[in-house]
Amino acid sequence: MPANSWNTLCWGGSLQKQAADVLPACDKAVALAPEDSRIRDSRGLARALTGDTQGAIEDFEAYIAQAQNKDRKAHGSAG
């Protein structure tokens, strides 16, 4: 199953109050596409909802860093 499918399960399950149940899907998505900021954002949500504050912070920081890097590349700035 592709990373985006695991991510859809992760995000949807988290929003449906099933974050603990879908966390393995979130981990699988990150393992398949660790540089995809959307996937890190989804796992960050699941981690936050399950009380893994430090893990959530790590994922959200990775999300922000990846988003800023994409923004720099889109605008032609050196990083």
PDB file of N, CA and C in Angstrom:
ATOM      1  N   MET A   1       0.852  -1.167   0.000  1.00  0.00           N
ATOM      2  CA  MET A   1       0.000   0.000   0.000  1.00  0.00           C
ATOM      3  C   MET A   1       0.902   1.236   0.000  1.00  0.00           C
ATOM      4  N   PRO A   2       0.591   2.253  -0.811  1.00  0.00           N
ATOM      5  CA  PRO A   2       1.430   3.445  -0.886  1.00  0.00           C
ATOM      6  C   PRO A   2       1.319   4.325   0.367  1.00  0.00           C
ATOM      7  N   ALA A   3       2.324   5.145   0.562  1.00  0.00           N
ATOM      8  CA  ALA A   3       2.388   6.023   1.734  1.00  0.00           C
ATOM      9  C   ALA A   3       1.154   6.912   1.844  1.00  0.00           C
ATOM     10  N   ASN A   4       0.663   7.421   0.731  1.00  0.00           N
ATOM     11  CA  ASN A   4      -0.502   8.310   0.776  1.00  0.00           C
ATOM     12  C   ASN A   4      -1.742   7.601   1.304  1.00  0.00           C
ATOM     13  N   SER A   5      -1.878   6.316   1.020  1.00  0.00           N
ATOM     14  CA  SER A   5      -3.016   5.560   1.538  1.00  0.00           C
ATOM     15  C   SER A   5      -2.908   5.383   3.046  1.00  0.00           C
ATOM     16  N   TRP A   6      -1.698   5.067   3.520  1.00  0.00           N
ATOM     17  CA  TRP A   6      -1.480   4.965   4.964  1.00  0.00           C
ATOM     18  C   TRP A   6      -1.753   6.311   5.620  1.00  0.00           C
ATOM     19  N   ASN A   7      -1.338   7.388   4.965  1.00  0.00           N
ATOM     20  CA  ASN A   7      -1.551   8.728   5.503  1.00  0.00           C
ATOM     21  C   ASN A   7      -3.036   9.066   5.593  1.00  0.00           C
ATOM     22  N   THR A   8      -3.801   8.696   4.600  1.00  0.00           N
ATOM     23  CA  THR A   8      -5.242   8.940   4.620  1.00  0.00           C
ATOM     24  C   THR A   8      -5.888   8.226   5.807  1.00  0.00           C
ATOM     25  N   LEU A   9      -5.486   6.995   6.031  1.00  0.00           N
ATOM     26  CA  LEU A   9      -5.988   6.235   7.176  1.00  0.00           C
ATOM     27  C   LEU A   9      -5.585   6.910   8.483  1.00  0.00           C
ATOM     28  N   CYS A  10      -4.342   7.342   8.565  1.00  0.00           N
ATOM     29  CA  CYS A  10      -3.811   8.018   9.751  1.00  0.00           C
ATOM     30  C   CYS A  10      -4.611   9.281  10.064  1.00  0.00           C
ATOM     31  N   TRP A  11      -4.751  10.143   9.086  1.00  0.00           N
ATOM     32  CA  TRP A  11      -5.434  11.421   9.284  1.00  0.00           C
ATOM     33  C   TRP A  11      -6.912  11.206   9.614  1.00  0.00           C
ATOM     34  N   GLY A  12      -7.565  10.397   8.802  1.00  0.00           N
ATOM     35  CA  GLY A  12      -9.000  10.167   9.002  1.00  0.00           C
ATOM     36  C   GLY A  12      -9.300   9.522  10.342  1.00  0.00           C
ATOM     37  N   GLY A  13      -8.520   8.523  10.698  1.00  0.00           N
ATOM     38  CA  GLY A  13      -8.724   7.862  11.977  1.00  0.00           C
ATOM     39  C   GLY A  13      -8.488   8.793  13.149  1.00  0.00           C
ATOM     40  N   SER A  14      -7.485   9.640  13.026  1.00  0.00           N
ATOM     41  CA  SER A  14      -7.204  10.605  14.090  1.00  0.00           C
ATOM     42  C   SER A  14      -8.373  11.562  14.276  1.00  0.00           C
ATOM     43  N   LEU A  15      -8.931  12.022  13.176  1.00  0.00           N
ATOM     44  CA  LEU A  15     -10.074  12.939  13.255  1.00  0.00           C
ATOM     45  C   LEU A  15     -11.334  12.257  13.773  1.00  0.00           C
ATOM     46  N   GLN A  16     -11.383  10.937  13.655  1.00  0.00           N
ATOM     47  CA  GLN A  16     -12.542  10.170  14.131  1.00  0.00           C
ATOM     48  C   GLN A  16     -12.320   9.601  15.534  1.00  0.00           C
ATOM     49  N   LYS A  17     -11.393  10.191  16.268  1.00  0.00           N
ATOM     50  CA  LYS A  17     -11.098   9.801  17.655  1.00  0.00           C
ATOM     51  C   LYS A  17     -10.574   8.367  17.766  1.00  0.00           C
ATOM     52  N   GLN A  18      -9.834   7.937  16.743  1.00  0.00           N
ATOM     53  CA  GLN A  18      -9.239   6.605  16.714  1.00  0.00           C
ATOM     54  C   GLN A  18      -7.723   6.683  16.570  1.00  0.00           C
ATOM     55  N   ALA A  19      -7.127   7.757  17.079  1.00  0.00           N
ATOM     56  CA  ALA A  19      -5.696   7.998  16.879  1.00  0.00           C
ATOM     57  C   ALA A  19      -4.842   6.834  17.369  1.00  0.00           C
ATOM     58  N   ALA A  20      -5.164   6.276  18.510  1.00  0.00           N
ATOM     59  CA  ALA A  20      -4.363   5.163  19.034  1.00  0.00           C
ATOM     60  C   ALA A  20      -4.419   3.961  18.103  1.00  0.00           C
ATOM     61  N   ASP A  21      -5.577   3.748  17.497  1.00  0.00           N
ATOM     62  CA  ASP A  21      -5.738   2.604  16.598  1.00  0.00           C
ATOM     63  C   ASP A  21      -5.006   2.786  15.275  1.00  0.00           C
ATOM     64  N   VAL A  22      -4.908   4.022  14.797  1.00  0.00           N
ATOM     65  CA  VAL A  22      -4.293   4.256  13.489  1.00  0.00           C
ATOM     66  C   VAL A  22      -2.830   4.659  13.569  1.00  0.00           C
ATOM     67  N   LEU A  23      -2.294   4.814  14.767  1.00  0.00           N
ATOM     68  CA  LEU A  23      -0.895   5.226  14.899  1.00  0.00           C
ATOM     69  C   LEU A  23       0.071   4.305  14.143  1.00  0.00           C
ATOM     70  N   PRO A  24      -0.135   2.979  14.132  1.00  0.00           N
ATOM     71  CA  PRO A  24       0.756   2.137  13.318  1.00  0.00           C
ATOM     72  C   PRO A  24       0.704   2.493  11.821  1.00  0.00           C
ATOM     73  N   ALA A  25      -0.465   2.888  11.330  1.00  0.00           N
ATOM     74  CA  ALA A  25      -0.578   3.314   9.931  1.00  0.00           C
ATOM     75  C   ALA A  25       0.205   4.606   9.716  1.00  0.00           C
ATOM     76  N   CYS A  26       0.170   5.485  10.702  1.00  0.00           N
ATOM     77  CA  CYS A  26       0.928   6.734  10.622  1.00  0.00           C
ATOM     78  C   CYS A  26       2.424   6.443  10.547  1.00  0.00           C
ATOM     79  N   ASP A  27       2.875   5.536  11.406  1.00  0.00           N
ATOM     80  CA  ASP A  27       4.294   5.156  11.406  1.00  0.00           C
ATOM     81  C   ASP A  27       4.704   4.543  10.074  1.00  0.00           C
ATOM     82  N   LYS A  28       3.835   3.728   9.510  1.00  0.00           N
ATOM     83  CA  LYS A  28       4.121   3.086   8.222  1.00  0.00           C
ATOM     84  C   LYS A  28       4.240   4.147   7.122  1.00  0.00           C
ATOM     85  N   ALA A  29       3.345   5.128   7.148  1.00  0.00           N
ATOM     86  CA  ALA A  29       3.382   6.196   6.144  1.00  0.00           C
ATOM     87  C   ALA A  29       4.695   6.972   6.230  1.00  0.00           C
ATOM     88  N   VAL A  30       5.117   7.301   7.453  1.00  0.00           N
ATOM     89  CA  VAL A  30       6.371   8.033   7.636  1.00  0.00           C
ATOM     90  C   VAL A  30       7.557   7.180   7.186  1.00  0.00           C
ATOM     91  N   ALA A  31       7.522   5.897   7.495  1.00  0.00           N
ATOM     92  CA  ALA A  31       8.618   5.019   7.088  1.00  0.00           C
ATOM     93  C   ALA A  31       8.749   4.964   5.563  1.00  0.00           C
ATOM     94  N   LEU A  32       7.615   5.010   4.867  1.00  0.00           N
ATOM     95  CA  LEU A  32       7.631   4.937   3.403  1.00  0.00           C
ATOM     96  C   LEU A  32       7.989   6.269   2.741  1.00  0.00           C
ATOM     97  N   ALA A  33       7.649   7.390   3.415  1.00  0.00           N
ATOM     98  CA  ALA A  33       7.894   8.706   2.812  1.00  0.00           C
ATOM     99  C   ALA A  33       8.269   9.712   3.895  1.00  0.00           C
ATOM    100  N   PRO A  34       9.449   9.562   4.486  1.00  0.00           N
ATOM    101  CA  PRO A  34       9.825  10.433   5.611  1.00  0.00           C
ATOM    102  C   PRO A  34       9.978  11.912   5.259  1.00  0.00           C
ATOM    103  N   GLU A  35      10.151  12.224   3.995  1.00  0.00           N
ATOM    104  CA  GLU A  35      10.330  13.626   3.586  1.00  0.00           C
ATOM    105  C   GLU A  35       9.017  14.296   3.169  1.00  0.00           C
ATOM    106  N   ASP A  36       7.906  13.580   3.282  1.00  0.00           N
ATOM    107  CA  ASP A  36       6.602  14.143   2.922  1.00  0.00           C
ATOM    108  C   ASP A  36       6.039  14.876   4.138  1.00  0.00           C
ATOM    109  N   SER A  37       6.025  16.186   4.080  1.00  0.00           N
ATOM    110  CA  SER A  37       5.621  16.984   5.239  1.00  0.00           C
ATOM    111  C   SER A  37       4.170  16.725   5.641  1.00  0.00           C
ATOM    112  N   ARG A  38       3.303  16.441   4.689  1.00  0.00           N
ATOM    113  CA  ARG A  38       1.902  16.160   5.021  1.00  0.00           C
ATOM    114  C   ARG A  38       1.776  14.916   5.890  1.00  0.00           C
ATOM    115  N   ILE A  39       2.612  13.932   5.630  1.00  0.00           N
ATOM    116  CA  ILE A  39       2.586  12.695   6.406  1.00  0.00           C
ATOM    117  C   ILE A  39       3.095  12.945   7.820  1.00  0.00           C
ATOM    118  N   ARG A  40       4.142  13.757   7.940  1.00  0.00           N
ATOM    119  CA  ARG A  40       4.652  14.087   9.278  1.00  0.00           C
ATOM    120  C   ARG A  40       3.602  14.871  10.069  1.00  0.00           C
ATOM    121  N   ASP A  41       2.869  15.732   9.395  1.00  0.00           N
ATOM    122  CA  ASP A  41       1.803  16.499  10.029  1.00  0.00           C
ATOM    123  C   ASP A  41       0.711  15.561  10.560  1.00  0.00           C
ATOM    124  N   SER A  42       0.336  14.586   9.757  1.00  0.00           N
ATOM    125  CA  SER A  42      -0.700  13.637  10.176  1.00  0.00           C
ATOM    126  C   SER A  42      -0.262  12.832  11.392  1.00  0.00           C
ATOM    127  N   ARG A  43       0.966  12.326  11.354  1.00  0.00           N
ATOM    128  CA  ARG A  43       1.436  11.560  12.504  1.00  0.00           C
ATOM    129  C   ARG A  43       1.569  12.455  13.726  1.00  0.00           C
ATOM    130  N   GLY A  44       1.964  13.701  13.526  1.00  0.00           N
ATOM    131  CA  GLY A  44       2.028  14.642  14.639  1.00  0.00           C
ATOM    132  C   GLY A  44       0.681  14.800  15.313  1.00  0.00           C
ATOM    133  N   LEU A  45      -0.374  14.877  14.520  1.00  0.00           N
ATOM    134  CA  LEU A  45      -1.722  14.963  15.077  1.00  0.00           C
ATOM    135  C   LEU A  45      -2.040  13.719  15.895  1.00  0.00           C
ATOM    136  N   ALA A  46      -1.792  12.551  15.328  1.00  0.00           N
ATOM    137  CA  ALA A  46      -2.082  11.300  16.037  1.00  0.00           C
ATOM    138  C   ALA A  46      -1.276  11.206  17.327  1.00  0.00           C
ATOM    139  N   ARG A  47      -0.023  11.588  17.260  1.00  0.00           N
ATOM    140  CA  ARG A  47       0.812  11.545  18.462  1.00  0.00           C
ATOM    141  C   ARG A  47       0.296  12.508  19.526  1.00  0.00           C
ATOM    142  N   ALA A  48      -0.089  13.698  19.111  1.00  0.00           N
ATOM    143  CA  ALA A  48      -0.620  14.669  20.078  1.00  0.00           C
ATOM    144  C   ALA A  48      -1.890  14.138  20.741  1.00  0.00           C
ATOM    145  N   LEU A  49      -2.746  13.536  19.949  1.00  0.00           N
ATOM    146  CA  LEU A  49      -4.010  13.024  20.480  1.00  0.00           C
ATOM    147  C   LEU A  49      -3.832  11.815  21.388  1.00  0.00           C
ATOM    148  N   THR A  50      -2.695  11.130  21.270  1.00  0.00           N
ATOM    149  CA  THR A  50      -2.451   9.970  22.123  1.00  0.00           C
ATOM    150  C   THR A  50      -1.524  10.295  23.291  1.00  0.00           C
ATOM    151  N   GLY A  51      -1.205  11.569  23.454  1.00  0.00           N
ATOM    152  CA  GLY A  51      -0.403  11.984  24.597  1.00  0.00           C
ATOM    153  C   GLY A  51       1.098  11.946  24.392  1.00  0.00           C
ATOM    154  N   ASP A  52       1.547  11.652  23.171  1.00  0.00           N
ATOM    155  CA  ASP A  52       2.984  11.640  22.876  1.00  0.00           C
ATOM    156  C   ASP A  52       3.406  13.048  22.463  1.00  0.00           C
ATOM    157  N   THR A  53       3.497  13.924  23.444  1.00  0.00           N
ATOM    158  CA  THR A  53       3.792  15.328  23.180  1.00  0.00           C
ATOM    159  C   THR A  53       5.133  15.509  22.490  1.00  0.00           C
ATOM    160  N   GLN A  54       6.182  14.845  22.975  1.00  0.00           N
ATOM    161  CA  GLN A  54       7.507  14.997  22.390  1.00  0.00           C
ATOM    162  C   GLN A  54       7.523  14.498  20.944  1.00  0.00           C
ATOM    163  N   GLY A  55       6.893  13.364  20.685  1.00  0.00           N
ATOM    164  CA  GLY A  55       6.817  12.846  19.319  1.00  0.00           C
ATOM    165  C   GLY A  55       6.060  13.792  18.402  1.00  0.00           C
ATOM    166  N   ALA A  56       4.979  14.376  18.922  1.00  0.00           N
ATOM    167  CA  ALA A  56       4.194  15.328  18.132  1.00  0.00           C
ATOM    168  C   ALA A  56       5.040  16.549  17.789  1.00  0.00           C
ATOM    169  N   ILE A  57       5.777  17.053  18.767  1.00  0.00           N
ATOM    170  CA  ILE A  57       6.641  18.212  18.530  1.00  0.00           C
ATOM    171  C   ILE A  57       7.669  17.891  17.443  1.00  0.00           C
ATOM    172  N   GLU A  58       8.280  16.723  17.522  1.00  0.00           N
ATOM    173  CA  GLU A  58       9.271  16.324  16.514  1.00  0.00           C
ATOM    174  C   GLU A  58       8.652  16.291  15.125  1.00  0.00           C
ATOM    175  N   ASP A  59       7.457  15.715  15.016  1.00  0.00           N
ATOM    176  CA  ASP A  59       6.808  15.649  13.704  1.00  0.00           C
ATOM    177  C   ASP A  59       6.417  17.027  13.198  1.00  0.00           C
ATOM    178  N   PHE A  60       5.880  17.879  14.069  1.00  0.00           N
ATOM    179  CA  PHE A  60       5.489  19.218  13.635  1.00  0.00           C
ATOM    180  C   PHE A  60       6.705  20.064  13.269  1.00  0.00           C
ATOM    181  N   GLU A  61       7.813  19.885  13.988  1.00  0.00           N
ATOM    182  CA  GLU A  61       9.044  20.595  13.622  1.00  0.00           C
ATOM    183  C   GLU A  61       9.546  20.132  12.260  1.00  0.00           C
ATOM    184  N   ALA A  62       9.472  18.833  11.998  1.00  0.00           N
ATOM    185  CA  ALA A  62       9.873  18.311  10.687  1.00  0.00           C
ATOM    186  C   ALA A  62       8.951  18.847   9.599  1.00  0.00           C
ATOM    187  N   TYR A  63       7.663  18.912   9.890  1.00  0.00           N
ATOM    188  CA  TYR A  63       6.689  19.458   8.949  1.00  0.00           C
ATOM    189  C   TYR A  63       7.040  20.905   8.592  1.00  0.00           C
ATOM    190  N   ILE A  64       7.316  21.715   9.608  1.00  0.00           N
ATOM    191  CA  ILE A  64       7.651  23.123   9.390  1.00  0.00           C
ATOM    192  C   ILE A  64       8.944  23.259   8.589  1.00  0.00           C
ATOM    193  N   ALA A  65       9.957  22.493   8.954  1.00  0.00           N
ATOM    194  CA  ALA A  65      11.241  22.557   8.247  1.00  0.00           C
ATOM    195  C   ALA A  65      11.080  22.167   6.782  1.00  0.00           C
ATOM    196  N   GLN A  66      10.311  21.114   6.517  1.00  0.00           N
ATOM    197  CA  GLN A  66      10.111  20.665   5.143  1.00  0.00           C
ATOM    198  C   GLN A  66       9.295  21.689   4.354  1.00  0.00           C
ATOM    199  N   ALA A  67       8.301  22.275   4.989  1.00  0.00           N
ATOM    200  CA  ALA A  67       7.477  23.281   4.312  1.00  0.00           C
ATOM    201  C   ALA A  67       8.316  24.515   3.991  1.00  0.00           C
ATOM    202  N   GLN A  68       9.159  24.937   4.919  1.00  0.00           N
ATOM    203  CA  GLN A  68      10.020  26.101   4.671  1.00  0.00           C
ATOM    204  C   GLN A  68      11.011  25.810   3.557  1.00  0.00           C
ATOM    205  N   ASN A  69      11.544  24.603   3.515  1.00  0.00           N
ATOM    206  CA  ASN A  69      12.478  24.224   2.461  1.00  0.00           C
ATOM    207  C   ASN A  69      11.783  24.256   1.105  1.00  0.00           C
ATOM    208  N   LYS A  70      10.556  23.746   1.034  1.00  0.00           N
ATOM    209  CA  LYS A  70       9.810  23.771  -0.221  1.00  0.00           C
ATOM    210  C   LYS A  70       9.530  25.206  -0.643  1.00  0.00           C
ATOM    211  N   ASP A  71       9.221  26.070   0.329  1.00  0.00           N
ATOM    212  CA  ASP A  71       8.934  27.470   0.035  1.00  0.00           C
ATOM    213  C   ASP A  71      10.188  28.151  -0.516  1.00  0.00           C
ATOM    214  N   ARG A  72      11.335  27.869   0.085  1.00  0.00           N
ATOM    215  CA  ARG A  72      12.590  28.451  -0.405  1.00  0.00           C
ATOM    216  C   ARG A  72      12.873  28.003  -1.832  1.00  0.00           C
ATOM    217  N   LYS A  73      12.672  26.728  -2.103  1.00  0.00           N
ATOM    218  CA  LYS A  73      12.932  26.215  -3.455  1.00  0.00           C
ATOM    219  C   LYS A  73      11.972  26.852  -4.464  1.00  0.00           C
ATOM    220  N   ALA A  74      10.712  27.043  -4.068  1.00  0.00           N
ATOM    221  CA  ALA A  74       9.729  27.627  -4.971  1.00  0.00           C
ATOM    222  C   ALA A  74      10.046  29.076  -5.293  1.00  0.00           C
ATOM    223  N   HIS A  75      10.670  29.765  -4.350  1.00  0.00           N
ATOM    224  CA  HIS A  75      10.989  31.167  -4.552  1.00  0.00           C
ATOM    225  C   HIS A  75      12.431  31.387  -5.001  1.00  0.00           C
ATOM    226  N   GLY A  76      13.175  30.322  -5.174  1.00  0.00           N
ATOM    227  CA  GLY A  76      14.546  30.445  -5.662  1.00  0.00           C
ATOM    228  C   GLY A  76      15.538  30.944  -4.657  1.00  0.00           C
ATOM    229  N   SER A  77      15.196  30.928  -3.375  1.00  0.00           N
ATOM    230  CA  SER A  77      16.123  31.393  -2.334  1.00  0.00           C
ATOM    231  C   SER A  77      17.087  30.294  -1.954  1.00  0.00           C
ATOM    232  N   ALA A  78      18.277  30.694  -1.593  1.00  0.00           N
ATOM    233  CA  ALA A  78      19.254  29.733  -1.084  1.00  0.00           C
ATOM    234  C   ALA A  78      18.961  29.490   0.385  1.00  0.00           C
ATOM    235  N   GLY A  79      19.225  28.272   0.822  1.00  0.00           N
ATOM    236  CA  GLY A  79      18.803  27.923   2.104  1.00  0.00           C
ATOM    237  C   GLY A  79      19.609  27.852   3.250  1.00  0.00           C
TER     238      GLY A  79
END
